[in-house]
Amino acid sequence: MAEPDVLTRLRDYWAAQDVGSGVPVSETELVAHERRYSVGLPSDLRAYFLKINGMARHEERELDWDEDLIRFYPLFEFRPLDEEWPDTAVCGARELFVFADRCIWDWGYAIRLSGETGGDVCIVSGDEPVRVACSFSEFLERYLARDKAGIFPQSQ
């Protein structure tokens, strides 16, 4: 039997923690978001928004996050770092699109997008982003393996 894909394992991982996944977006919504920011999303990130679209919100609590207090964003919150964190001094903040944060912004997780290319995933916790994965899929694999070097800043 084939191993479930990373998105199925991600959904199962969150469900085991009583964290639901969001409402998937349509291809039309995804294309509109790409046009708004003049970027193309890597295929693994596109699949994530089309299938999972971040963590669900529960009415009884304001935000949902995992056992490490990490919250993955839905598409409507997926935006450049300079919009997410306007006072940032991070060089290239316009190309770093934030897809998650820890504990209401102890640090953030961003993917570098530039035009039609992109893919490196970084942790943003100061003035210099720390690259932790070459792709969104690689980051998810490290996240699901609870690889501390891949999901927590080196300084922590």
N, C-alpha and C. Protein backbone atom coordinates (compact mmCIF):
# COMPACT_ATOMS: atom_id res chain seq x y z
N MET A 1 0.84 -1.18 0.00
CA MET A 1 0.00 0.00 0.00
C MET A 1 0.89 1.25 0.00
N ALA A 2 0.55 2.21 -0.84
CA ALA A 2 1.34 3.45 -0.94
C ALA A 2 1.13 4.32 0.30
N GLU A 3 2.19 5.01 0.69
CA GLU A 3 2.10 5.94 1.81
C GLU A 3 1.22 7.12 1.41
N PRO A 4 0.35 7.60 2.31
CA PRO A 4 -0.48 8.76 1.98
C PRO A 4 0.40 9.96 1.64
N ASP A 5 -0.10 10.81 0.74
CA ASP A 5 0.67 11.99 0.37
C ASP A 5 0.80 12.94 1.56
N VAL A 6 1.69 13.89 1.44
CA VAL A 6 2.01 14.79 2.55
C VAL A 6 0.79 15.60 2.99
N LEU A 7 -0.08 15.98 2.06
CA LEU A 7 -1.26 16.77 2.45
C LEU A 7 -2.27 15.93 3.23
N THR A 8 -2.42 14.67 2.86
CA THR A 8 -3.31 13.77 3.63
C THR A 8 -2.73 13.56 5.03
N ARG A 9 -1.43 13.35 5.11
CA ARG A 9 -0.80 13.17 6.42
C ARG A 9 -0.90 14.44 7.26
N LEU A 10 -0.79 15.61 6.62
CA LEU A 10 -0.94 16.88 7.34
C LEU A 10 -2.35 17.01 7.91
N ARG A 11 -3.34 16.73 7.09
CA ARG A 11 -4.73 16.80 7.55
C ARG A 11 -4.96 15.83 8.72
N ASP A 12 -4.43 14.62 8.62
CA ASP A 12 -4.58 13.63 9.68
C ASP A 12 -3.85 14.06 10.96
N TYR A 13 -2.68 14.66 10.80
CA TYR A 13 -1.89 15.14 11.94
C TYR A 13 -2.67 16.21 12.71
N TRP A 14 -3.24 17.14 11.98
CA TRP A 14 -4.04 18.19 12.63
C TRP A 14 -5.30 17.60 13.26
N ALA A 15 -5.96 16.69 12.58
CA ALA A 15 -7.19 16.09 13.11
C ALA A 15 -6.91 15.37 14.43
N ALA A 16 -5.76 14.71 14.54
CA ALA A 16 -5.40 14.02 15.77
C ALA A 16 -5.22 14.99 16.93
N GLN A 17 -5.01 16.26 16.63
CA GLN A 17 -4.86 17.30 17.65
C GLN A 17 -6.13 18.15 17.79
N ASP A 18 -7.21 17.70 17.17
CA ASP A 18 -8.48 18.43 17.16
C ASP A 18 -8.34 19.79 16.47
N VAL A 19 -7.52 19.82 15.43
CA VAL A 19 -7.35 21.01 14.61
C VAL A 19 -7.85 20.66 13.22
N GLY A 20 -8.84 21.36 12.76
CA GLY A 20 -9.37 21.08 11.43
C GLY A 20 -8.63 21.84 10.35
N SER A 21 -8.81 21.39 9.13
CA SER A 21 -8.26 22.13 8.00
C SER A 21 -9.32 23.08 7.48
N GLY A 22 -8.86 24.08 6.73
CA GLY A 22 -9.76 25.11 6.21
C GLY A 22 -10.62 24.62 5.06
N VAL A 23 -11.39 25.53 4.54
CA VAL A 23 -12.23 25.25 3.38
C VAL A 23 -11.36 25.45 2.15
N PRO A 24 -11.19 24.41 1.34
CA PRO A 24 -10.34 24.55 0.15
C PRO A 24 -10.79 25.70 -0.74
N VAL A 25 -9.83 26.34 -1.40
CA VAL A 25 -10.16 27.42 -2.32
C VAL A 25 -10.34 26.85 -3.72
N SER A 26 -10.92 27.64 -4.58
CA SER A 26 -11.08 27.23 -5.98
C SER A 26 -9.87 27.68 -6.79
N GLU A 27 -9.72 27.10 -7.94
CA GLU A 27 -8.65 27.51 -8.86
C GLU A 27 -8.80 28.99 -9.21
N THR A 28 -10.02 29.45 -9.37
CA THR A 28 -10.28 30.86 -9.69
C THR A 28 -9.78 31.77 -8.58
N GLU A 29 -10.05 31.41 -7.33
CA GLU A 29 -9.57 32.21 -6.19
C GLU A 29 -8.04 32.23 -6.14
N LEU A 30 -7.45 31.09 -6.40
CA LEU A 30 -5.99 30.97 -6.37
C LEU A 30 -5.35 31.83 -7.46
N VAL A 31 -5.88 31.78 -8.66
CA VAL A 31 -5.35 32.57 -9.76
C VAL A 31 -5.50 34.07 -9.46
N ALA A 32 -6.63 34.46 -8.90
CA ALA A 32 -6.83 35.88 -8.54
C ALA A 32 -5.80 36.33 -7.51
N HIS A 33 -5.49 35.48 -6.55
CA HIS A 33 -4.49 35.81 -5.53
C HIS A 33 -3.11 35.95 -6.16
N GLU A 34 -2.77 35.05 -7.06
CA GLU A 34 -1.49 35.12 -7.76
C GLU A 34 -1.40 36.42 -8.57
N ARG A 35 -2.45 36.76 -9.25
CA ARG A 35 -2.46 38.00 -10.06
C ARG A 35 -2.33 39.23 -9.17
N ARG A 36 -3.01 39.21 -8.04
CA ARG A 36 -2.95 40.36 -7.13
C ARG A 36 -1.51 40.68 -6.75
N TYR A 37 -0.72 39.65 -6.52
CA TYR A 37 0.67 39.85 -6.08
C TYR A 37 1.70 39.63 -7.20
N SER A 38 1.24 39.35 -8.41
CA SER A 38 2.12 39.13 -9.56
C SER A 38 3.17 38.04 -9.29
N VAL A 39 2.70 36.94 -8.75
CA VAL A 39 3.56 35.79 -8.48
C VAL A 39 2.86 34.52 -8.96
N GLY A 40 3.66 33.49 -9.19
CA GLY A 40 3.13 32.16 -9.45
C GLY A 40 3.50 31.28 -8.27
N LEU A 41 2.55 30.53 -7.78
CA LEU A 41 2.81 29.65 -6.65
C LEU A 41 3.39 28.33 -7.13
N PRO A 42 4.36 27.78 -6.39
CA PRO A 42 4.86 26.44 -6.73
C PRO A 42 3.71 25.43 -6.66
N SER A 43 3.82 24.36 -7.44
CA SER A 43 2.73 23.39 -7.53
C SER A 43 2.36 22.77 -6.18
N ASP A 44 3.35 22.54 -5.30
CA ASP A 44 3.03 21.94 -4.00
C ASP A 44 2.23 22.89 -3.12
N LEU A 45 2.53 24.18 -3.21
CA LEU A 45 1.78 25.18 -2.43
C LEU A 45 0.38 25.38 -3.01
N ARG A 46 0.28 25.36 -4.33
CA ARG A 46 -1.04 25.45 -4.97
C ARG A 46 -1.92 24.29 -4.50
N ALA A 47 -1.37 23.08 -4.51
CA ALA A 47 -2.13 21.90 -4.08
C ALA A 47 -2.59 22.04 -2.63
N TYR A 48 -1.73 22.60 -1.79
CA TYR A 48 -2.06 22.82 -0.37
C TYR A 48 -3.30 23.71 -0.23
N PHE A 49 -3.31 24.84 -0.94
CA PHE A 49 -4.46 25.74 -0.83
C PHE A 49 -5.72 25.13 -1.46
N LEU A 50 -5.55 24.38 -2.54
CA LEU A 50 -6.70 23.75 -3.19
C LEU A 50 -7.28 22.60 -2.38
N LYS A 51 -6.47 21.96 -1.54
CA LYS A 51 -6.93 20.80 -0.78
C LYS A 51 -7.17 21.09 0.71
N ILE A 52 -6.31 21.91 1.33
CA ILE A 52 -6.38 22.10 2.77
C ILE A 52 -6.69 23.54 3.17
N ASN A 53 -5.99 24.49 2.60
CA ASN A 53 -6.21 25.92 2.84
C ASN A 53 -6.10 26.32 4.31
N GLY A 54 -5.01 25.95 4.94
CA GLY A 54 -4.75 26.40 6.31
C GLY A 54 -5.58 25.66 7.34
N MET A 55 -5.51 26.20 8.55
CA MET A 55 -6.25 25.61 9.67
C MET A 55 -7.61 26.26 9.79
N ALA A 56 -8.59 25.45 10.17
CA ALA A 56 -9.94 25.96 10.35
C ALA A 56 -10.01 26.81 11.61
N ARG A 57 -10.99 27.64 11.65
CA ARG A 57 -11.26 28.43 12.86
C ARG A 57 -12.49 27.84 13.53
N HIS A 58 -12.43 27.73 14.84
CA HIS A 58 -13.58 27.26 15.60
C HIS A 58 -14.27 28.47 16.21
N GLU A 59 -15.60 28.44 16.25
CA GLU A 59 -16.35 29.56 16.80
C GLU A 59 -16.05 29.78 18.28
N GLU A 60 -15.79 28.71 19.02
CA GLU A 60 -15.58 28.85 20.46
C GLU A 60 -14.19 29.37 20.83
N ARG A 61 -13.27 29.39 19.89
CA ARG A 61 -11.96 29.94 20.15
C ARG A 61 -11.52 30.76 18.95
N GLU A 62 -10.80 31.82 19.21
CA GLU A 62 -10.44 32.75 18.14
C GLU A 62 -9.55 32.13 17.08
N LEU A 63 -8.53 31.38 17.49
CA LEU A 63 -7.59 30.81 16.56
C LEU A 63 -7.38 29.33 16.84
N ASP A 64 -6.95 28.62 15.82
CA ASP A 64 -6.56 27.22 15.97
C ASP A 64 -5.07 27.13 15.72
N TRP A 65 -4.40 26.28 16.49
CA TRP A 65 -2.99 26.01 16.26
C TRP A 65 -2.68 24.62 16.75
N ASP A 66 -1.50 24.14 16.38
CA ASP A 66 -1.12 22.78 16.75
C ASP A 66 -0.49 22.75 18.14
N GLU A 67 0.02 21.58 18.51
CA GLU A 67 0.59 21.41 19.85
C GLU A 67 1.84 22.26 20.08
N ASP A 68 2.48 22.73 19.01
CA ASP A 68 3.64 23.61 19.13
C ASP A 68 3.25 25.08 18.98
N LEU A 69 1.96 25.36 18.98
CA LEU A 69 1.40 26.70 18.83
C LEU A 69 1.67 27.32 17.46
N ILE A 70 1.77 26.46 16.45
CA ILE A 70 1.95 26.91 15.09
C ILE A 70 0.58 26.94 14.41
N ARG A 71 0.31 28.06 13.74
CA ARG A 71 -0.96 28.22 13.01
C ARG A 71 -0.66 28.45 11.54
N PHE A 72 -1.26 27.60 10.69
CA PHE A 72 -1.13 27.73 9.24
C PHE A 72 -2.28 28.58 8.72
N TYR A 73 -1.97 29.51 7.82
CA TYR A 73 -2.93 30.48 7.32
C TYR A 73 -3.74 29.96 6.13
N PRO A 74 -4.98 30.45 6.01
CA PRO A 74 -5.74 30.23 4.78
C PRO A 74 -5.25 31.22 3.71
N LEU A 75 -5.64 31.02 2.48
CA LEU A 75 -5.17 31.85 1.37
C LEU A 75 -5.39 33.34 1.61
N PHE A 76 -6.53 33.73 2.18
CA PHE A 76 -6.79 35.16 2.33
C PHE A 76 -5.82 35.84 3.30
N GLU A 77 -5.10 35.08 4.11
CA GLU A 77 -4.08 35.65 5.00
C GLU A 77 -2.66 35.47 4.45
N PHE A 78 -2.51 34.75 3.37
CA PHE A 78 -1.21 34.48 2.75
C PHE A 78 -0.79 35.71 1.97
N ARG A 79 0.20 36.43 2.50
CA ARG A 79 0.60 37.70 1.90
C ARG A 79 2.08 37.96 2.18
N PRO A 80 2.63 38.97 1.49
CA PRO A 80 4.05 39.27 1.71
C PRO A 80 4.33 39.72 3.14
N LEU A 81 5.55 39.43 3.58
CA LEU A 81 5.96 39.79 4.94
C LEU A 81 5.80 41.27 5.21
N ASP A 82 6.06 42.13 4.23
CA ASP A 82 5.94 43.57 4.48
C ASP A 82 4.49 44.02 4.68
N GLU A 83 3.52 43.19 4.31
CA GLU A 83 2.11 43.46 4.64
C GLU A 83 1.74 42.82 5.98
N GLU A 84 2.25 41.62 6.21
CA GLU A 84 1.98 40.90 7.46
C GLU A 84 2.61 41.62 8.65
N TRP A 85 3.79 42.11 8.46
CA TRP A 85 4.59 42.71 9.52
C TRP A 85 5.19 44.01 8.96
N PRO A 86 4.39 45.09 8.88
CA PRO A 86 4.80 46.31 8.19
C PRO A 86 6.09 46.97 8.72
N ASP A 87 6.44 46.77 9.95
CA ASP A 87 7.65 47.39 10.52
C ASP A 87 8.90 46.54 10.33
N THR A 88 8.83 45.53 9.51
CA THR A 88 9.96 44.63 9.34
C THR A 88 11.16 45.33 8.70
N ALA A 89 12.33 44.90 9.12
CA ALA A 89 13.59 45.38 8.53
C ALA A 89 14.21 44.29 7.66
N VAL A 90 13.49 43.20 7.42
CA VAL A 90 14.00 42.08 6.65
C VAL A 90 14.17 42.48 5.18
N CYS A 91 15.35 42.29 4.67
CA CYS A 91 15.63 42.55 3.26
C CYS A 91 14.86 41.55 2.40
N GLY A 92 14.19 42.03 1.36
CA GLY A 92 13.43 41.15 0.48
C GLY A 92 12.08 40.76 1.05
N ALA A 93 11.56 41.54 2.00
CA ALA A 93 10.29 41.19 2.66
C ALA A 93 9.13 41.07 1.69
N ARG A 94 9.19 41.77 0.56
CA ARG A 94 8.10 41.70 -0.42
C ARG A 94 8.03 40.34 -1.10
N GLU A 95 9.16 39.62 -1.14
CA GLU A 95 9.20 38.30 -1.79
C GLU A 95 8.94 37.16 -0.82
N LEU A 96 8.91 37.44 0.47
CA LEU A 96 8.66 36.41 1.48
C LEU A 96 7.17 36.41 1.83
N PHE A 97 6.47 35.36 1.42
CA PHE A 97 5.04 35.26 1.67
C PHE A 97 4.81 34.37 2.89
N VAL A 98 4.15 34.93 3.90
CA VAL A 98 3.95 34.25 5.18
C VAL A 98 2.78 33.28 5.07
N PHE A 99 3.03 32.02 5.45
CA PHE A 99 1.98 31.00 5.42
C PHE A 99 1.65 30.44 6.80
N ALA A 100 2.43 30.81 7.82
CA ALA A 100 2.16 30.31 9.18
C ALA A 100 2.93 31.18 10.18
N ASP A 101 2.52 31.08 11.43
CA ASP A 101 3.28 31.74 12.50
C ASP A 101 3.21 30.87 13.75
N ARG A 102 4.04 31.21 14.71
CA ARG A 102 4.05 30.50 15.99
C ARG A 102 3.68 31.46 17.10
N CYS A 103 2.71 31.06 17.90
CA CYS A 103 2.31 31.77 19.13
C CYS A 103 2.06 33.26 18.86
N ILE A 104 1.22 33.52 17.89
CA ILE A 104 0.85 34.88 17.50
C ILE A 104 2.10 35.73 17.28
N TRP A 105 2.97 35.24 16.49
CA TRP A 105 4.16 35.91 15.95
C TRP A 105 5.36 35.96 16.86
N ASP A 106 5.67 34.85 17.54
CA ASP A 106 7.03 34.73 18.09
C ASP A 106 7.96 34.72 16.88
N TRP A 107 7.53 34.00 15.83
CA TRP A 107 8.21 34.01 14.55
C TRP A 107 7.23 33.53 13.49
N GLY A 108 7.60 33.75 12.25
CA GLY A 108 6.76 33.35 11.14
C GLY A 108 7.47 32.39 10.21
N TYR A 109 6.69 31.78 9.35
CA TYR A 109 7.18 30.87 8.32
C TYR A 109 6.77 31.45 6.97
N ALA A 110 7.74 31.59 6.08
CA ALA A 110 7.46 32.23 4.79
C ALA A 110 8.12 31.46 3.66
N ILE A 111 7.51 31.58 2.51
CA ILE A 111 8.07 30.99 1.29
C ILE A 111 8.48 32.14 0.38
N ARG A 112 9.65 32.02 -0.20
CA ARG A 112 10.17 33.07 -1.09
C ARG A 112 9.56 32.89 -2.48
N LEU A 113 8.83 33.93 -2.94
CA LEU A 113 8.23 33.93 -4.26
C LEU A 113 8.69 35.17 -5.01
N SER A 114 9.09 34.97 -6.24
CA SER A 114 9.55 36.08 -7.06
C SER A 114 9.11 35.82 -8.48
N GLY A 115 8.15 36.59 -8.96
CA GLY A 115 7.66 36.38 -10.32
C GLY A 115 7.07 34.99 -10.47
N GLU A 116 7.60 34.23 -11.39
CA GLU A 116 7.10 32.88 -11.65
C GLU A 116 7.91 31.81 -10.91
N THR A 117 8.89 32.22 -10.12
CA THR A 117 9.74 31.24 -9.44
C THR A 117 9.60 31.37 -7.94
N GLY A 118 10.12 30.42 -7.24
CA GLY A 118 10.12 30.48 -5.79
C GLY A 118 10.19 29.11 -5.19
N GLY A 119 10.22 29.10 -3.89
CA GLY A 119 10.16 27.83 -3.24
C GLY A 119 10.87 27.69 -1.92
N ASP A 120 11.96 28.43 -1.69
CA ASP A 120 12.66 28.29 -0.41
C ASP A 120 11.75 28.71 0.74
N VAL A 121 11.76 27.91 1.81
CA VAL A 121 10.99 28.23 3.00
C VAL A 121 11.94 28.72 4.08
N CYS A 122 11.55 29.82 4.72
CA CYS A 122 12.38 30.46 5.74
C CYS A 122 11.59 30.66 7.02
N ILE A 123 12.33 30.70 8.11
CA ILE A 123 11.78 31.15 9.38
C ILE A 123 12.18 32.61 9.52
N VAL A 124 11.21 33.44 9.89
CA VAL A 124 11.46 34.86 10.07
C VAL A 124 11.28 35.17 11.56
N SER A 125 12.38 35.51 12.20
CA SER A 125 12.30 35.82 13.63
C SER A 125 13.16 37.03 13.99
N GLY A 126 13.78 37.61 13.03
CA GLY A 126 14.63 38.78 13.23
C GLY A 126 14.84 39.45 11.90
N ASP A 127 15.99 40.08 11.74
CA ASP A 127 16.27 40.80 10.50
C ASP A 127 16.74 39.90 9.36
N GLU A 128 17.17 38.70 9.67
CA GLU A 128 17.66 37.77 8.65
C GLU A 128 16.82 36.50 8.65
N PRO A 129 16.10 36.23 7.55
CA PRO A 129 15.36 34.96 7.47
C PRO A 129 16.33 33.79 7.46
N VAL A 130 15.93 32.69 8.08
CA VAL A 130 16.75 31.48 8.14
C VAL A 130 16.10 30.44 7.23
N ARG A 131 16.81 30.03 6.18
CA ARG A 131 16.28 29.03 5.25
C ARG A 131 16.26 27.66 5.92
N VAL A 132 15.09 27.01 5.88
CA VAL A 132 14.95 25.70 6.52
C VAL A 132 14.52 24.59 5.56
N ALA A 133 14.11 24.96 4.35
CA ALA A 133 13.70 23.95 3.37
C ALA A 133 13.78 24.53 1.97
N CYS A 134 13.98 23.65 1.00
CA CYS A 134 14.07 24.07 -0.41
C CYS A 134 12.70 24.18 -1.07
N SER A 135 11.67 23.62 -0.43
CA SER A 135 10.33 23.66 -1.00
C SER A 135 9.30 23.58 0.12
N PHE A 136 8.07 23.90 -0.24
CA PHE A 136 6.98 23.79 0.73
C PHE A 136 6.78 22.34 1.15
N SER A 137 6.85 21.41 0.20
CA SER A 137 6.70 19.99 0.53
C SER A 137 7.77 19.53 1.50
N GLU A 138 9.02 19.94 1.26
CA GLU A 138 10.10 19.57 2.17
C GLU A 138 9.83 20.13 3.57
N PHE A 139 9.36 21.38 3.63
CA PHE A 139 9.03 21.96 4.93
C PHE A 139 7.94 21.14 5.62
N LEU A 140 6.89 20.76 4.90
CA LEU A 140 5.81 19.96 5.50
C LEU A 140 6.33 18.62 6.00
N GLU A 141 7.21 17.99 5.26
CA GLU A 141 7.80 16.72 5.71
C GLU A 141 8.56 16.93 7.02
N ARG A 142 9.32 18.00 7.10
CA ARG A 142 10.08 18.29 8.33
C ARG A 142 9.12 18.62 9.48
N TYR A 143 8.08 19.37 9.18
CA TYR A 143 7.07 19.72 10.18
C TYR A 143 6.39 18.45 10.72
N LEU A 144 5.98 17.56 9.83
CA LEU A 144 5.31 16.34 10.26
C LEU A 144 6.23 15.40 11.02
N ALA A 145 7.52 15.46 10.72
CA ALA A 145 8.51 14.64 11.45
C ALA A 145 8.90 15.30 12.77
N ARG A 146 8.37 16.49 13.02
CA ARG A 146 8.68 17.28 14.22
C ARG A 146 10.18 17.52 14.31
N ASP A 147 10.77 17.80 13.16
CA ASP A 147 12.19 18.10 13.02
C ASP A 147 12.42 19.51 13.57
N LYS A 148 12.93 19.58 14.79
CA LYS A 148 13.09 20.87 15.47
C LYS A 148 13.96 21.84 14.68
N ALA A 149 15.00 21.34 14.01
CA ALA A 149 15.87 22.22 13.22
C ALA A 149 15.12 22.82 12.04
N GLY A 150 14.08 22.15 11.59
CA GLY A 150 13.32 22.63 10.45
C GLY A 150 12.13 23.49 10.79
N ILE A 151 11.72 23.49 12.06
CA ILE A 151 10.51 24.28 12.41
C ILE A 151 10.73 25.31 13.50
N PHE A 152 11.90 25.29 14.12
CA PHE A 152 12.18 26.29 15.16
C PHE A 152 13.47 27.03 14.82
N PRO A 153 13.51 28.35 15.06
CA PRO A 153 14.74 29.11 14.76
C PRO A 153 15.94 28.57 15.52
N GLN A 154 17.11 28.70 14.91
CA GLN A 154 18.36 28.24 15.52
C GLN A 154 18.63 28.92 16.85
N SER A 155 18.19 30.17 17.00
CA SER A 155 18.47 30.92 18.21
C SER A 155 17.64 30.47 19.41
N GLN A 156 16.60 29.67 19.14
CA GLN A 156 15.73 29.24 20.25
C GLN A 156 16.28 28.07 20.99
